[in-house]
Protein backbone atom coordinates (compact mmCIF):
# COMPACT_ATOMS: atom_id res chain seq x y z
CA MET A 1 -5.24 48.79 -6.24
CA LYS A 2 -5.48 45.12 -5.57
CA GLY A 3 -9.11 45.59 -4.58
CA SER A 4 -9.88 47.30 -7.92
CA LYS A 5 -8.32 44.47 -9.94
CA LEU A 6 -10.28 41.88 -7.97
CA PHE A 7 -13.52 43.76 -8.55
CA ALA A 8 -12.78 43.99 -12.29
CA LEU A 9 -12.11 40.27 -12.55
CA LEU A 10 -15.31 39.43 -10.70
CA PHE A 11 -17.35 41.76 -12.90
CA ALA A 12 -15.87 40.20 -16.09
CA ALA A 13 -16.70 36.68 -14.88
CA PHE A 14 -20.27 37.74 -14.06
CA PHE A 15 -20.66 39.31 -17.54
CA VAL A 16 -19.50 36.07 -19.23
CA LEU A 17 -22.09 34.09 -17.27
CA ILE A 18 -24.84 36.52 -18.34
CA LEU A 19 -23.86 36.11 -21.99
CA ALA A 20 -23.84 32.31 -21.71
CA ALA A 21 -27.30 32.35 -20.17
CA CYS A 22 -28.62 34.62 -22.94
CA GLY A 23 -27.04 32.40 -25.62
CA THR A 24 -28.98 29.28 -24.49
CA GLY A 25 -32.21 30.98 -23.69
CA ASP A 26 -33.83 30.38 -27.11
CA GLU A 27 -33.38 26.59 -26.85
CA SER A 28 -35.46 26.19 -23.71
CA SER A 29 -39.23 25.72 -23.83
CA SER A 30 -41.05 29.05 -23.76
CA ASP A 31 -44.11 27.64 -21.95
CA SER A 32 -42.33 25.66 -19.30
CA GLY A 33 -42.72 28.38 -16.70
CA SER A 34 -40.37 28.29 -13.70
CA GLU A 35 -40.51 24.47 -13.28
CA GLU A 36 -37.62 22.28 -14.29
CA PRO A 37 -38.53 19.81 -17.09
CA SER A 38 -38.55 16.10 -16.11
CA ASP A 39 -36.10 13.59 -17.57
CA THR A 40 -38.82 12.22 -19.89
CA ALA A 41 -40.17 15.60 -21.00
CA ASP A 42 -41.08 15.93 -24.69
CA LEU A 43 -40.49 12.26 -25.58
CA GLU A 44 -42.47 11.82 -28.78
CA GLY A 45 -45.54 9.66 -28.39
CA VAL A 46 -45.12 9.03 -24.67
CA PRO A 47 -48.36 9.67 -22.73
CA GLU A 48 -48.47 12.74 -20.50
CA ALA A 49 -48.87 10.63 -17.35
CA PHE A 50 -45.40 9.17 -17.98
CA GLN A 51 -43.84 12.57 -18.66
CA ALA A 52 -44.97 14.21 -15.44
CA GLU A 53 -42.33 15.48 -13.05
CA GLU A 54 -43.59 13.16 -10.32
CA ALA A 55 -43.27 9.49 -11.22
CA LEU A 56 -46.28 7.24 -11.17
CA LYS A 57 -46.31 4.95 -8.15
CA ILE A 58 -47.54 1.35 -8.24
CA MET A 59 -47.66 -1.62 -5.89
CA VAL A 60 -47.49 -5.32 -6.74
CA VAL A 61 -49.12 -7.47 -4.04
CA ARG A 62 -49.06 -11.28 -4.08
CA LYS A 63 -50.99 -13.40 -1.63
CA ILE A 64 -48.88 -16.57 -1.93
CA GLY A 65 -45.12 -16.59 -1.54
CA GLY A 66 -42.06 -18.29 -0.19
CA ASP A 67 -41.28 -19.95 -3.51
CA ASP A 68 -39.04 -19.21 -6.48
CA HIS A 69 -42.00 -18.62 -8.79
CA THR A 70 -43.16 -15.74 -6.56
CA ALA A 71 -39.65 -14.27 -6.48
CA GLN A 72 -39.42 -14.40 -10.30
CA PHE A 73 -42.89 -12.92 -10.75
CA LEU A 74 -42.09 -9.98 -8.46
CA ALA A 75 -38.69 -9.47 -10.10
CA GLY A 76 -40.27 -9.31 -13.57
CA ALA A 77 -42.82 -6.75 -12.38
CA GLN A 78 -40.13 -4.70 -10.64
CA GLN A 79 -37.84 -4.61 -13.68
CA GLU A 80 -40.60 -3.69 -16.12
CA ALA A 81 -42.01 -0.92 -13.90
CA THR A 82 -38.57 0.57 -13.30
CA ALA A 83 -37.79 0.45 -17.03
CA LEU A 84 -40.97 2.45 -17.67
CA GLY A 85 -39.97 5.10 -15.15
CA MET A 86 -42.45 4.16 -12.45
CA GLU A 87 -41.85 3.85 -8.75
CA VAL A 88 -42.76 0.32 -7.67
CA ASP A 89 -43.16 -1.48 -4.37
CA THR A 90 -43.51 -5.29 -4.33
CA PHE A 91 -44.87 -7.40 -1.52
CA SER A 92 -45.60 -11.08 -0.83
CA ALA A 93 -47.95 -11.98 2.01
CA ASN A 94 -46.55 -15.56 2.05
CA GLY A 95 -50.05 -16.98 2.30
CA ASP A 96 -51.14 -14.77 5.20
CA THR A 97 -54.61 -13.56 4.19
CA GLU A 98 -54.87 -10.66 6.66
CA THR A 99 -51.44 -9.37 5.73
CA PHE A 100 -52.52 -9.53 2.09
CA TYR A 101 -55.63 -7.44 2.79
CA ASN A 102 -53.77 -4.98 5.00
CA THR A 103 -51.18 -4.35 2.30
CA ILE A 104 -53.84 -3.61 -0.30
CA GLN A 105 -55.54 -1.28 2.17
CA GLN A 106 -52.29 0.59 2.76
CA ALA A 107 -51.85 1.06 -1.00
CA ILE A 108 -55.37 2.50 -1.19
CA ASP A 109 -54.85 4.77 1.83
CA GLN A 110 -51.51 6.00 0.48
CA GLN A 111 -53.12 6.74 -2.91
CA TYR A 112 -50.95 4.66 -5.15
CA ASP A 113 -51.66 5.17 -8.85
CA GLY A 114 -51.94 1.50 -9.68
CA LEU A 115 -52.07 -2.01 -8.25
CA VAL A 116 -51.15 -5.45 -9.55
CA ILE A 117 -52.82 -8.07 -7.34
CA SER A 118 -51.79 -11.73 -7.56
CA HIS A 119 -53.79 -14.69 -6.26
CA GLY A 120 -56.59 -12.71 -4.61
CA ASP A 121 -59.00 -15.64 -4.56
CA ASP A 122 -62.00 -14.62 -2.47
CA ALA A 123 -64.96 -12.24 -2.17
CA ARG A 124 -63.10 -9.87 0.11
CA THR A 125 -60.49 -9.30 -2.60
CA VAL A 126 -63.33 -8.23 -4.92
CA GLU A 127 -64.54 -5.77 -2.31
CA MET A 128 -61.06 -4.31 -1.85
CA VAL A 129 -60.45 -4.00 -5.57
CA GLN A 130 -63.81 -2.16 -5.87
CA GLN A 131 -62.61 0.16 -3.09
CA ALA A 132 -59.39 0.80 -4.98
CA ARG A 133 -61.27 1.53 -8.20
CA ASP A 134 -63.61 3.91 -6.34
CA ALA A 135 -60.47 5.72 -5.20
CA GLY A 136 -59.32 6.12 -8.81
CA ILE A 137 -56.62 3.46 -8.63
CA GLU A 138 -56.06 1.32 -11.73
CA VAL A 139 -55.98 -2.45 -11.12
CA VAL A 140 -54.67 -5.57 -12.89
CA THR A 141 -55.07 -8.98 -11.25
CA PHE A 142 -53.35 -12.32 -11.85
CA ASP A 143 -54.80 -15.75 -11.06
CA SER A 144 -57.49 -14.16 -8.94
CA GLU A 145 -61.21 -14.46 -8.22
CA PRO A 146 -63.22 -14.60 -11.49
CA LYS A 147 -65.91 -12.31 -10.02
CA LEU A 148 -63.41 -9.46 -10.37
CA LYS A 149 -64.83 -9.18 -13.88
CA ASP A 150 -67.76 -7.41 -12.26
CA VAL A 151 -65.52 -4.54 -11.18
CA GLU A 152 -65.37 -1.94 -13.90
CA GLY A 153 -61.99 -1.26 -15.43
CA VAL A 154 -60.13 -4.28 -14.02
CA THR A 155 -58.13 -6.63 -16.22
CA LEU A 156 -57.85 -10.27 -15.13
CA THR A 157 -54.75 -12.14 -16.32
CA SER A 158 -53.82 -15.77 -16.01
CA GLN A 159 -51.66 -18.44 -17.43
CA ASN A 160 -53.63 -20.44 -19.99
CA ASP A 161 -54.38 -23.12 -17.40
CA GLU A 162 -56.29 -25.30 -19.82
CA ALA A 163 -53.27 -25.36 -22.15
CA LEU A 164 -50.89 -26.01 -19.27
CA ALA A 165 -52.85 -29.09 -18.19
CA GLN A 166 -53.47 -30.31 -21.75
CA LEU A 167 -49.78 -30.17 -22.70
CA VAL A 168 -48.60 -32.47 -19.93
CA LEU A 169 -51.66 -34.74 -19.90
CA ASP A 170 -51.26 -35.38 -23.63
CA LYS A 171 -47.68 -36.50 -22.91
CA LEU A 172 -48.82 -38.66 -19.99
CA VAL A 173 -51.38 -40.49 -22.15
CA GLU A 174 -48.94 -40.80 -25.05
CA GLU A 175 -46.15 -42.30 -22.93
CA GLN A 176 -48.06 -44.24 -20.26
CA GLY A 177 -50.87 -45.53 -22.43
CA PRO A 178 -54.65 -45.41 -22.17
CA GLU A 179 -54.72 -47.82 -19.21
CA ALA A 180 -52.21 -46.10 -16.96
CA LYS A 181 -52.52 -46.12 -13.18
CA ILE A 182 -51.92 -42.63 -11.93
CA GLY A 183 -51.76 -40.44 -8.84
CA TYR A 184 -53.33 -37.00 -8.87
CA LEU A 185 -51.94 -34.05 -6.92
CA TRP A 186 -54.44 -31.18 -6.83
CA VAL A 187 -56.16 -28.85 -4.41
CA ASP A 188 -59.54 -27.15 -4.82
CA GLY A 189 -60.40 -23.54 -4.08
CA PHE A 190 -58.06 -21.71 -6.45
CA PRO A 191 -59.24 -20.51 -9.91
CA PRO A 192 -56.23 -21.89 -11.81
CA MET A 193 -56.61 -25.25 -10.05
CA VAL A 194 -60.27 -25.41 -11.02
CA ARG A 195 -59.41 -24.76 -14.67
CA ARG A 196 -56.65 -27.42 -14.63
CA ASN A 197 -58.97 -29.92 -12.97
CA ASN A 198 -61.56 -29.39 -15.67
CA VAL A 199 -59.06 -30.54 -18.28
CA TYR A 200 -58.02 -33.52 -16.14
CA THR A 201 -61.65 -34.59 -15.82
CA SER A 202 -62.11 -34.35 -19.58
CA VAL A 203 -59.00 -36.40 -20.27
CA LEU A 204 -60.23 -39.15 -17.95
CA GLU A 205 -63.60 -39.15 -19.70
CA GLU A 206 -61.83 -39.49 -23.07
CA ASN A 207 -59.61 -42.29 -21.71
CA PRO A 208 -61.83 -44.45 -19.48
CA GLY A 209 -59.08 -47.04 -19.12
CA ILE A 210 -56.89 -44.65 -17.09
CA GLU A 211 -57.31 -45.37 -13.40
CA GLU A 212 -56.73 -42.77 -10.69
CA VAL A 213 -55.41 -44.87 -7.82
CA LYS A 214 -54.44 -42.07 -5.41
CA ARG A 215 -55.20 -38.39 -4.86
CA PHE A 216 -53.81 -35.73 -2.51
CA GLY A 217 -53.65 -31.98 -2.17
CA ASP A 218 -52.84 -29.43 0.53
CA ALA A 219 -51.85 -25.83 -0.14
CA THR A 220 -50.21 -25.30 3.27
CA ASP A 221 -46.58 -26.44 3.32
CA PRO A 222 -47.29 -28.23 0.04
CA GLN A 223 -43.84 -29.66 -0.65
CA MET A 224 -43.38 -31.43 2.64
CA LYS A 225 -46.96 -32.61 2.99
CA THR A 226 -46.93 -33.93 -0.57
CA GLN A 227 -43.66 -35.71 0.01
CA ASN A 228 -45.10 -37.42 3.06
CA ALA A 229 -48.34 -38.32 1.24
CA VAL A 230 -46.59 -39.83 -1.80
CA SER A 231 -44.21 -41.74 0.49
CA ALA A 232 -47.29 -43.26 2.10
CA TRP A 233 -48.69 -44.16 -1.33
CA LEU A 234 -45.53 -46.05 -2.18
CA THR A 235 -45.82 -48.31 0.85
CA GLU A 236 -49.28 -49.34 -0.37
CA LEU A 237 -48.54 -49.51 -4.10
CA PRO A 238 -45.78 -51.86 -5.16
CA GLU A 239 -43.98 -51.47 -8.49
CA GLY A 240 -46.42 -51.79 -11.35
CA GLU A 241 -49.35 -50.38 -9.39
CA LEU A 242 -48.46 -46.72 -10.02
CA ASP A 243 -47.23 -45.62 -13.42
CA ALA A 244 -47.32 -41.84 -13.23
CA ILE A 245 -48.25 -38.78 -11.20
CA PHE A 246 -49.96 -35.67 -12.52
CA ALA A 247 -48.98 -32.71 -10.37
CA THR A 248 -51.01 -29.52 -10.96
CA TRP A 249 -48.46 -27.33 -9.15
CA ASP A 250 -44.67 -27.43 -9.07
CA ALA A 251 -44.71 -27.47 -5.25
CA PHE A 252 -46.61 -30.76 -5.52
CA ALA A 253 -44.23 -32.09 -8.19
CA THR A 254 -41.23 -31.20 -6.03
CA GLY A 255 -42.55 -33.08 -3.01
CA ALA A 256 -43.49 -36.10 -5.14
CA THR A 257 -40.09 -36.21 -6.87
CA ARG A 258 -38.28 -36.22 -3.54
CA ALA A 259 -40.49 -39.03 -2.23
CA LEU A 260 -39.88 -41.19 -5.30
CA ILE A 261 -36.13 -40.65 -5.24
CA GLU A 262 -35.97 -41.40 -1.51
CA ALA A 263 -37.93 -44.63 -2.03
CA GLY A 264 -35.94 -45.66 -5.10
CA ARG A 265 -39.12 -45.63 -7.18
CA GLU A 266 -37.92 -43.51 -10.10
CA GLU A 267 -39.88 -45.70 -12.51
CA VAL A 268 -42.94 -43.60 -11.67
CA ALA A 269 -42.97 -40.62 -14.05
CA ILE A 270 -44.02 -37.14 -12.96
CA TYR A 271 -45.83 -34.69 -15.25
CA GLY A 272 -46.01 -31.24 -13.63
CA ILE A 273 -47.01 -27.62 -14.09
CA ASP A 274 -44.93 -24.47 -13.44
CA VAL A 275 -41.18 -24.08 -13.25
CA SER A 276 -38.46 -22.45 -11.17
CA ASN A 277 -34.70 -22.72 -10.75
CA ALA A 278 -35.20 -25.32 -8.04
CA ASP A 279 -37.55 -27.26 -10.33
CA LEU A 280 -35.08 -27.24 -13.22
CA GLN A 281 -32.31 -28.43 -10.95
CA LEU A 282 -34.50 -31.29 -9.69
CA MET A 283 -35.55 -32.30 -13.22
CA GLN A 284 -31.90 -32.46 -14.30
CA GLN A 285 -30.83 -34.57 -11.32
CA GLU A 286 -29.60 -37.98 -12.38
CA GLY A 287 -32.45 -40.51 -12.33
CA SER A 288 -35.09 -37.83 -11.64
CA PRO A 289 -38.64 -39.09 -12.31
CA TRP A 290 -39.86 -35.56 -13.20
CA LYS A 291 -40.12 -35.91 -16.99
CA TYR A 292 -42.18 -32.90 -18.15
CA THR A 293 -43.45 -29.61 -16.89
CA ALA A 294 -45.63 -27.02 -18.63
CA ALA A 295 -45.06 -23.41 -17.70
CA VAL A 296 -45.06 -19.69 -18.47
CA ASP A 297 -42.00 -17.68 -17.54
CA PRO A 298 -43.00 -16.06 -14.19
CA LYS A 299 -40.82 -13.03 -14.89
CA LEU A 300 -42.71 -12.49 -18.13
CA ILE A 301 -46.03 -12.79 -16.28
CA GLY A 302 -44.95 -10.00 -13.92
CA ALA A 303 -43.78 -7.85 -16.83
CA VAL A 304 -46.97 -8.27 -18.90
CA ASN A 305 -49.14 -7.40 -15.90
CA VAL A 306 -47.17 -4.17 -15.41
CA ARG A 307 -47.51 -3.32 -19.13
CA LEU A 308 -51.26 -3.69 -18.86
CA LEU A 309 -51.30 -1.46 -15.81
CA ALA A 310 -49.15 1.09 -17.62
CA LYS A 311 -51.65 1.19 -20.51
CA LYS A 312 -54.43 1.85 -18.02
CA LEU A 313 -52.46 4.66 -16.42
CA ALA A 314 -51.92 6.09 -19.88
CA GLY A 315 -55.63 6.08 -20.52
CA GLU A 316 -55.41 3.40 -23.20
CA GLU A 317 -57.87 0.59 -23.82
CA THR A 318 -57.10 -2.81 -22.24
CA PRO A 319 -58.91 -6.16 -22.42
CA GLN A 320 -60.97 -7.47 -19.56
CA GLU A 321 -59.10 -10.82 -19.63
CA TYR A 322 -55.78 -12.05 -20.98
CA SER A 323 -54.09 -15.46 -20.84
CA LEU A 324 -50.39 -16.09 -21.36
CA GLU A 325 -49.55 -19.16 -23.48
CA PRO A 326 -47.34 -21.86 -21.93
CA SER A 327 -44.40 -23.93 -23.15
CA LEU A 328 -43.69 -27.61 -22.56
CA ILE A 329 -40.32 -28.32 -20.99
CA SER A 330 -38.96 -31.89 -21.17
CA GLN A 331 -36.25 -33.51 -19.12
CA GLU A 332 -34.77 -34.86 -22.35
CA GLU A 333 -34.34 -31.35 -23.79
CA LEU A 334 -32.74 -30.07 -20.59
CA ASN A 335 -30.25 -32.94 -20.41
CA ALA A 336 -29.42 -32.63 -24.13
CA SER A 337 -28.13 -29.09 -23.59
CA GLY A 338 -24.87 -30.44 -22.21
CA GLU A 339 -24.78 -28.08 -19.23
CA GLU A 340 -27.03 -27.20 -16.31
CA VAL A 341 -30.01 -25.14 -17.41
CA ASN A 342 -31.54 -22.44 -15.18
CA MET A 343 -34.26 -19.84 -15.58
CA GLU A 344 -31.82 -17.42 -17.25
CA THR A 345 -30.59 -19.94 -19.82
CA LEU A 346 -33.87 -21.79 -20.40
CA SER A 347 -34.54 -19.62 -23.50
CA GLU A 348 -31.54 -21.31 -25.13
CA VAL A 349 -33.31 -24.66 -24.80
CA ILE A 350 -37.00 -23.77 -25.20
CA GLU A 351 -37.77 -21.64 -28.24
CA GLY A 352 -39.59 -18.44 -27.40
CA TRP A 353 -39.25 -18.89 -23.65
CA GLY A 354 -39.64 -15.64 -21.73
CA GLN A 355 -40.34 -13.59 -24.87
CA SER A 356 -43.52 -11.70 -25.66
CA ASP A 357 -44.34 -8.30 -27.02
CA ALA A 358 -47.85 -8.48 -25.63
CA PHE A 359 -49.01 -4.94 -24.74
CA LEU A 360 -45.49 -3.59 -25.38
CA GLU A 361 -46.38 -0.31 -27.05
CA ASP A 362 -43.99 1.90 -29.07
CA TRP A 363 -44.10 4.55 -26.37
CA MET A 364 -42.98 1.97 -23.82
CA VAL A 365 -39.98 1.15 -26.01
CA THR A 366 -39.20 4.88 -26.18
CA LEU A 367 -39.35 5.13 -22.38
CA LYS A 368 -37.05 2.17 -21.93
CA GLU A 369 -34.54 3.59 -24.40
CA ASN A 370 -34.49 6.91 -22.55
């Protein structure tokens, strides 16, 4: 008797489940087959590549590293890719060229869908990008070898280096005068450095009274080597013999700032390029000689590069080149805020900082919302 009741109960439960299944059957897609729909299925306007069951996989590879700018760049790329539903791996070679090449080769061998390559500055990078393209991998590069324009389908991005240099050099000439004695911190061999140097050369030609009294540049351990070099300058140049320093990289500006503070020579003003949390902290230090820096938000650079790559993966048209416009950050503005400013709060001080809808398509907004 007990067995009969148990069987009846089980049969009734099974019948209810059958009815429930039949009741929802009309709402499911009739052409979906036996496969489960993905989380992004049927999002209006979203490209098919971003609605597939298997997520697109990309890698972001940066040759230089070990600095806050690199960390911010990779974080921006990571966040944007994740928000668009892609799987993303990020890697910094910390200046090790072979490690940089090996990582790109691994991405090619493992058949990633897309690559963002940062600071690939030589002929071998061009060869590897061509190899990636031959394998059907989409590629966007940042601050890399100009000859990458010869590789079909690649977009080259950069900060607007001419604007970066012009912003701070205009301030230098305005504040120090057309007969200033200046030090120049620059290193050859990198595309952005070449572009910044072109502007510097033009400014000197336009202001023949400006005298370059010292020059230094080394891309290996740049902060410490620059600090040592500027310290040596100061033993040779008494007060009045050096008015300002133009630093084409924030690593150079950091080393120079530390040297000036250590020597008690804060009367020498520094005009730099690029920014990080460490840079902002140093600029806001009491008596800091670092007066201005021109920069683009590195997190935004990473995000925009990923958007461009996403458009390529969606089969959409992208430009061959794109430059991100910089902002000028002054020590005066930072100190006027009344509290310590960092990369997260810089937008409260500098209008438009970290904001851009460049290549942010409606379908990307839909993906982020879902």
